[in-house]
N, C-alpha and C. Protein backbone atom coordinates (compact mmCIF):
# COMPACT_ATOMS: atom_id res chain seq x y z
N UNK A 1 0.88 -0.90 -0.23
CA UNK A 1 0.00 -0.24 0.28
C UNK A 1 0.96 1.10 0.11
N UNK A 2 0.40 2.17 -0.53
CA UNK A 2 1.08 3.50 -1.01
C UNK A 2 1.47 4.06 0.79
N UNK A 3 2.70 4.72 0.65
CA UNK A 3 2.78 5.45 2.06
C UNK A 3 1.81 6.53 2.14
N UNK A 4 1.50 7.20 1.65
CA UNK A 4 0.58 8.29 1.53
C UNK A 4 -0.94 8.11 1.77
N UNK A 5 -1.04 6.78 1.86
CA UNK A 5 -2.57 6.60 2.42
C UNK A 5 -2.68 5.92 3.75
N UNK A 6 -3.49 6.62 4.53
CA UNK A 6 -3.93 6.15 6.03
C UNK A 6 -4.59 5.03 5.94
N UNK A 7 -4.11 3.98 6.28
CA UNK A 7 -4.99 2.71 6.61
C UNK A 7 -4.90 2.28 7.96
N UNK A 8 -5.86 1.60 8.26
CA UNK A 8 -6.13 0.95 9.78
C UNK A 8 -5.46 -0.45 9.47
N UNK A 9 -4.89 -1.31 10.64
CA UNK A 9 -4.94 -2.53 10.52
C UNK A 9 -5.73 -3.79 9.93
N UNK A 10 -7.12 -3.51 10.14
CA UNK A 10 -8.09 -4.42 9.47
C UNK A 10 -8.00 -4.06 7.76
N UNK A 11 -7.82 -3.00 7.46
CA UNK A 11 -7.73 -2.68 5.85
C UNK A 11 -6.34 -3.19 5.58
N UNK A 12 -5.49 -2.85 6.00
CA UNK A 12 -4.10 -3.50 5.97
C UNK A 12 -3.96 -5.05 5.54
N UNK A 13 -4.62 -5.92 6.46
CA UNK A 13 -4.56 -7.06 6.19
C UNK A 13 -5.19 -7.51 4.74
N UNK A 14 -6.00 -6.66 4.10
CA UNK A 14 -6.85 -6.90 3.00
C UNK A 14 -5.86 -5.83 1.77
N UNK A 15 -4.91 -5.43 2.12
CA UNK A 15 -4.20 -4.26 1.20
C UNK A 15 -4.15 -4.87 -0.27
N UNK A 16 -3.47 -6.26 -0.47
CA UNK A 16 -3.35 -6.46 -1.71
C UNK A 16 -4.85 -6.64 -2.52
N UNK A 17 -5.77 -6.77 -1.98
CA UNK A 17 -7.04 -6.97 -2.54
C UNK A 17 -7.62 -5.35 -2.83
N UNK A 18 -7.23 -4.64 -2.16
CA UNK A 18 -7.86 -3.17 -1.99
C UNK A 18 -6.96 -2.74 -3.15
N UNK A 19 -5.81 -2.67 -3.18
CA UNK A 19 -4.98 -2.27 -4.40
C UNK A 19 -5.47 -2.71 -5.68
N UNK A 20 -5.61 -4.02 -5.65
CA UNK A 20 -6.50 -4.44 -7.11
C UNK A 20 -7.78 -3.88 -7.43
N UNK A 21 -8.48 -3.81 -6.42
CA UNK A 21 -9.72 -2.65 -6.88
C UNK A 21 -9.41 -1.25 -7.26
N UNK A 22 -8.46 -0.85 -6.48
CA UNK A 22 -8.35 0.67 -6.75
C UNK A 22 -7.50 0.76 -8.01
N UNK A 23 -6.76 -0.26 -8.37
CA UNK A 23 -6.25 0.04 -9.69
C UNK A 23 -7.10 -0.30 -10.83
N UNK A 24 -8.47 -0.82 -10.72
CA UNK A 24 -9.09 -1.16 -11.84
C UNK A 24 -10.33 -0.04 -11.84
N UNK A 25 -10.00 1.07 -10.93
CA UNK A 25 -11.22 2.14 -10.93
C UNK A 25 -10.37 3.16 -11.70
N UNK A 26 -10.79 3.84 -12.82
CA UNK A 26 -10.02 4.75 -13.64
C UNK A 26 -10.86 6.13 -13.55
N UNK A 27 -9.91 6.93 -13.79
CA UNK A 27 -10.52 8.57 -13.65
C UNK A 27 -10.53 8.41 -15.07
N UNK A 28 -11.67 8.63 -16.33
CA UNK A 28 -11.83 8.63 -17.49
C UNK A 28 -11.32 9.77 -18.11
N UNK A 29 -10.97 10.95 -17.54
CA UNK A 29 -10.53 12.40 -18.12
C UNK A 29 -9.13 11.99 -18.27
N UNK A 30 -8.35 11.45 -17.32
CA UNK A 30 -6.94 11.21 -17.08
C UNK A 30 -6.52 9.78 -17.75
N UNK A 31 -7.54 9.03 -17.66
CA UNK A 31 -6.98 7.51 -18.13
C UNK A 31 -6.30 6.87 -17.19
N UNK A 32 -6.24 7.28 -15.80
CA UNK A 32 -5.13 6.38 -14.83
C UNK A 32 -5.93 6.00 -13.98
N UNK A 33 -5.87 4.89 -13.15
CA UNK A 33 -6.52 4.51 -11.99
C UNK A 33 -6.23 5.63 -10.76
N UNK A 34 -7.24 5.30 -10.04
CA UNK A 34 -7.34 5.99 -8.67
C UNK A 34 -6.04 5.97 -7.58
N UNK A 35 -5.75 4.53 -7.61
CA UNK A 35 -4.79 4.31 -6.62
C UNK A 35 -3.32 5.08 -7.19
N UNK A 36 -3.06 4.80 -8.49
CA UNK A 36 -1.70 5.69 -8.92
C UNK A 36 -2.00 6.80 -8.87
N UNK A 37 -2.98 7.50 -9.40
CA UNK A 37 -3.31 8.77 -9.51
C UNK A 37 -3.25 9.53 -8.16
N UNK A 38 -3.36 8.73 -7.20
CA UNK A 38 -3.38 9.50 -5.77
C UNK A 38 -4.60 10.11 -5.01
N UNK A 39 -5.59 9.32 -5.38
CA UNK A 39 -6.72 9.94 -5.18
C UNK A 39 -7.00 9.61 -3.95
N UNK A 40 -6.97 8.73 -3.52
CA UNK A 40 -7.10 7.84 -2.22
C UNK A 40 -6.29 8.40 -0.92
N UNK A 41 -7.19 9.12 -0.06
CA UNK A 41 -6.66 9.47 1.19
C UNK A 41 -6.27 8.58 2.32
N UNK A 42 -7.44 7.88 2.51
CA UNK A 42 -7.40 6.91 3.78
C UNK A 42 -8.53 5.63 3.31
N UNK A 43 -8.26 4.73 4.20
CA UNK A 43 -9.03 3.45 3.99
C UNK A 43 -9.35 2.81 5.48
N UNK A 44 -10.46 2.76 5.86
CA UNK A 44 -10.85 2.24 7.36
C UNK A 44 -11.69 1.16 7.21
N UNK A 45 -11.28 -0.01 7.67
CA UNK A 45 -12.11 -1.23 7.83
C UNK A 45 -12.76 -1.16 9.14
N UNK A 46 -14.06 -1.50 9.81
CA UNK A 46 -14.24 -1.63 10.92
C UNK A 46 -14.48 -3.22 11.39
N UNK A 47 -14.72 -3.66 12.45
CA UNK A 47 -15.02 -4.97 12.90
C UNK A 47 -16.14 -5.53 12.07
N UNK A 48 -16.94 -4.82 11.91
CA UNK A 48 -18.58 -5.34 10.84
C UNK A 48 -18.25 -5.23 9.76
N UNK A 49 -16.85 -5.36 9.10
CA UNK A 49 -16.99 -5.26 7.70
C UNK A 49 -17.33 -4.01 6.86
N UNK A 50 -17.39 -2.96 7.68
CA UNK A 50 -17.87 -1.45 6.72
C UNK A 50 -16.56 -1.09 6.69
N UNK A 51 -16.32 -0.80 5.46
CA UNK A 51 -14.98 0.09 4.59
C UNK A 51 -15.58 1.46 4.39
N UNK A 52 -14.49 2.20 4.79
CA UNK A 52 -14.76 4.01 4.67
C UNK A 52 -13.57 4.26 3.56
N UNK A 53 -13.82 4.86 2.66
CA UNK A 53 -12.53 5.39 1.80
C UNK A 53 -13.07 6.64 1.58
N UNK A 54 -11.72 7.49 2.13
CA UNK A 54 -11.85 8.95 2.02
C UNK A 54 -11.21 9.31 0.88
N UNK A 55 -11.53 10.19 -0.10
CA UNK A 55 -10.88 10.18 -1.19
C UNK A 55 -11.12 11.99 -1.85
N UNK A 56 -10.37 12.16 -3.09
CA UNK A 56 -10.63 13.38 -3.69
C UNK A 56 -10.53 13.07 -5.15
N UNK A 57 -10.74 14.11 -5.72
CA UNK A 57 -10.68 14.00 -7.16
C UNK A 57 -9.55 15.27 -7.75
N UNK A 58 -9.38 15.30 -8.79
CA UNK A 58 -8.18 16.28 -9.36
C UNK A 58 -8.90 17.55 -9.64
N UNK A 59 -10.10 17.94 -9.63
CA UNK A 59 -10.73 19.08 -9.49
C UNK A 59 -12.00 18.85 -9.29
N UNK A 60 -12.68 20.02 -8.83
CA UNK A 60 -14.23 19.84 -8.22
C UNK A 60 -15.10 19.68 -9.81
N UNK A 61 -14.52 19.92 -10.94
CA UNK A 61 -15.50 19.49 -12.12
C UNK A 61 -15.53 18.16 -12.55
N UNK A 62 -14.93 17.46 -11.92
CA UNK A 62 -14.76 16.10 -12.70
C UNK A 62 -15.89 15.61 -12.93
N UNK A 63 -15.75 14.99 -13.93
CA UNK A 63 -17.35 14.39 -14.88
C UNK A 63 -17.35 13.14 -14.06
N UNK A 64 -16.67 12.41 -13.51
CA UNK A 64 -16.90 11.15 -13.02
C UNK A 64 -17.04 11.14 -11.29
N UNK A 65 -17.39 12.33 -10.97
CA UNK A 65 -17.64 12.68 -9.48
C UNK A 65 -18.92 12.11 -9.18
N UNK A 66 -19.96 11.77 -10.12
CA UNK A 66 -21.01 11.25 -9.76
C UNK A 66 -21.00 9.85 -9.97
N UNK A 67 -20.51 9.18 -10.81
CA UNK A 67 -20.68 7.81 -10.84
C UNK A 67 -19.48 6.83 -9.96
N UNK A 68 -18.20 7.61 -9.89
CA UNK A 68 -17.19 6.81 -9.33
C UNK A 68 -17.35 6.10 -7.83
N UNK A 69 -17.79 7.19 -7.10
CA UNK A 69 -18.29 6.65 -5.75
C UNK A 69 -18.83 5.23 -5.74
N UNK A 70 -20.11 5.37 -6.30
CA UNK A 70 -20.74 4.27 -6.27
C UNK A 70 -19.99 2.80 -7.09
N UNK A 71 -19.26 3.08 -8.19
CA UNK A 71 -18.55 2.15 -8.71
C UNK A 71 -17.66 1.40 -7.78
N UNK A 72 -16.85 2.36 -6.98
CA UNK A 72 -15.82 1.83 -5.94
C UNK A 72 -16.79 1.32 -4.91
N UNK A 73 -17.62 1.77 -4.33
CA UNK A 73 -18.36 1.05 -3.11
C UNK A 73 -18.73 -0.46 -4.02
N UNK A 74 -19.48 -0.63 -5.18
CA UNK A 74 -19.68 -2.02 -5.50
C UNK A 74 -18.50 -2.99 -5.45
N UNK A 75 -17.27 -2.34 -6.06
CA UNK A 75 -16.26 -3.23 -6.06
C UNK A 75 -15.61 -3.48 -4.87
N UNK A 76 -15.55 -2.56 -3.99
CA UNK A 76 -15.03 -2.99 -2.43
C UNK A 76 -16.00 -4.26 -1.84
N UNK A 77 -17.16 -3.83 -2.15
CA UNK A 77 -18.42 -5.03 -1.62
C UNK A 77 -17.79 -6.53 -2.09
N UNK A 78 -17.03 -6.67 -3.13
CA UNK A 78 -16.93 -7.91 -4.08
C UNK A 78 -15.38 -8.43 -2.98
N UNK A 79 -14.81 -7.88 -2.31
CA UNK A 79 -13.67 -8.23 -1.20
C UNK A 79 -14.43 -9.13 -0.01
N UNK A 80 -13.94 -10.30 0.08
CA UNK A 80 -14.25 -11.17 0.97
C UNK A 80 -13.89 -10.37 2.44
N UNK A 81 -14.67 -10.05 3.38
CA UNK A 81 -14.47 -9.03 4.55
C UNK A 81 -15.01 -8.01 4.68
N UNK A 82 -15.42 -7.47 3.53
CA UNK A 82 -16.16 -6.23 3.55
C UNK A 82 -17.39 -6.49 2.94
N UNK A 83 -18.41 -6.06 4.03
CA UNK A 83 -19.87 -6.21 4.00
C UNK A 83 -20.40 -5.11 3.25
N UNK A 84 -20.11 -3.88 3.60
CA UNK A 84 -20.62 -2.76 3.10
C UNK A 84 -19.41 -1.61 3.09
N UNK A 85 -19.65 -0.63 2.23
CA UNK A 85 -18.68 0.30 1.98
C UNK A 85 -19.33 1.57 1.95
N UNK A 86 -18.75 2.89 2.15
CA UNK A 86 -18.81 4.16 1.67
C UNK A 86 -17.92 4.98 1.27
N UNK A 87 -17.77 5.77 0.54
CA UNK A 87 -16.76 6.78 -0.31
C UNK A 87 -17.07 8.21 0.27
N UNK A 88 -16.36 8.91 1.01
CA UNK A 88 -16.50 10.21 1.47
C UNK A 88 -15.48 10.93 0.56
N UNK A 89 -16.02 12.20 -0.34
CA UNK A 89 -15.26 12.92 -1.14
C UNK A 89 -14.75 14.19 -0.37
N UNK A 90 -13.67 14.35 -0.34
CA UNK A 90 -13.10 15.76 0.17
C UNK A 90 -12.25 16.53 -0.45
N UNK A 91 -12.15 17.92 -0.22
CA UNK A 91 -11.58 18.47 -0.93
C UNK A 91 -10.42 19.45 -0.15
N UNK A 92 -10.13 18.80 0.89
CA UNK A 92 -8.76 19.14 1.46
C UNK A 92 -8.35 18.17 2.35
N UNK A 93 -7.19 17.78 2.00
CA UNK A 93 -6.08 18.55 1.38
C UNK A 93 -6.42 18.46 -0.10
N UNK A 94 -6.22 19.50 -0.99
CA UNK A 94 -6.46 19.38 -2.24
C UNK A 94 -5.43 18.56 -3.12
N UNK A 95 -5.61 18.03 -4.09
CA UNK A 95 -5.14 16.83 -4.96
C UNK A 95 -4.03 17.71 -5.47
N UNK A 96 -2.95 16.98 -5.48
CA UNK A 96 -1.74 17.88 -6.38
C UNK A 96 -0.80 16.48 -6.94
N UNK A 97 -0.27 17.15 -8.12
CA UNK A 97 0.05 16.11 -9.20
C UNK A 97 1.33 15.35 -8.53
N UNK A 98 1.93 16.17 -7.43
CA UNK A 98 3.00 15.08 -6.65
C UNK A 98 2.58 14.02 -6.15
N UNK A 99 1.10 13.77 -5.88
CA UNK A 99 0.65 12.43 -5.52
C UNK A 99 0.28 11.24 -6.60
N UNK A 100 0.66 11.70 -7.55
CA UNK A 100 0.60 10.64 -8.90
C UNK A 100 2.11 9.52 -8.47
N UNK A 101 1.72 8.43 -8.73
CA UNK A 101 3.00 7.38 -8.38
C UNK A 101 3.80 7.49 -9.37
N UNK A 102 5.02 6.55 -9.18
CA UNK A 102 5.83 6.70 -10.09
C UNK A 102 5.84 6.11 -11.11
N UNK A 103 4.75 4.90 -11.17
CA UNK A 103 3.91 4.08 -12.08
C UNK A 103 3.09 4.79 -12.78
N UNK A 104 2.40 5.89 -12.28
CA UNK A 104 1.39 6.75 -12.99
C UNK A 104 2.03 7.53 -13.77
N UNK A 105 3.35 8.31 -13.56
CA UNK A 105 4.06 9.32 -13.90
C UNK A 105 4.42 8.55 -15.37
N UNK A 106 5.10 7.28 -15.11
CA UNK A 106 5.63 6.99 -16.42
C UNK A 106 4.47 6.50 -17.36
N UNK A 107 3.33 5.96 -16.67
CA UNK A 107 1.90 5.82 -17.81
C UNK A 107 1.90 7.00 -18.38
N UNK A 108 1.65 8.10 -17.52
CA UNK A 108 1.25 9.50 -17.99
C UNK A 108 2.02 10.17 -19.20
N UNK A 109 3.46 9.69 -19.13
CA UNK A 109 4.54 10.40 -19.83
C UNK A 109 5.17 11.59 -19.04
N UNK A 110 4.74 11.79 -17.74
CA UNK A 110 5.52 12.64 -17.14
C UNK A 110 6.69 12.42 -16.37
N UNK A 111 7.75 13.00 -16.21
CA UNK A 111 9.30 12.82 -15.62
C UNK A 111 8.82 12.13 -14.34
N UNK A 112 9.30 10.83 -13.99
CA UNK A 112 9.23 10.13 -12.79
C UNK A 112 10.16 11.18 -11.59
N UNK A 113 9.46 10.83 -10.57
CA UNK A 113 10.10 11.70 -9.37
C UNK A 113 11.84 11.29 -9.15
């Protein structure tokens, strides 16, 4: 899991499955997944199997802001141990290009850090 994503121990135990889900949800405008784009800030999984993801978008006018949270919730619920999920969209801290992973930068043709 990325160092810049706050994750609790229960969620960390599912980190490989979480990463797989996050790498399959794409920002259609940028054509990069939300994991490598750095849109996910926090993942918390409680003892009842409720997973809360705190994330942002590259800008407030992102066309996928209405559909992506529902898509992410549905994908998270396919992971064994996650019974329900919620996505909270935040605008602070604001997303910055520095959150794009090295792989994401290479994919987008941006100079790697």
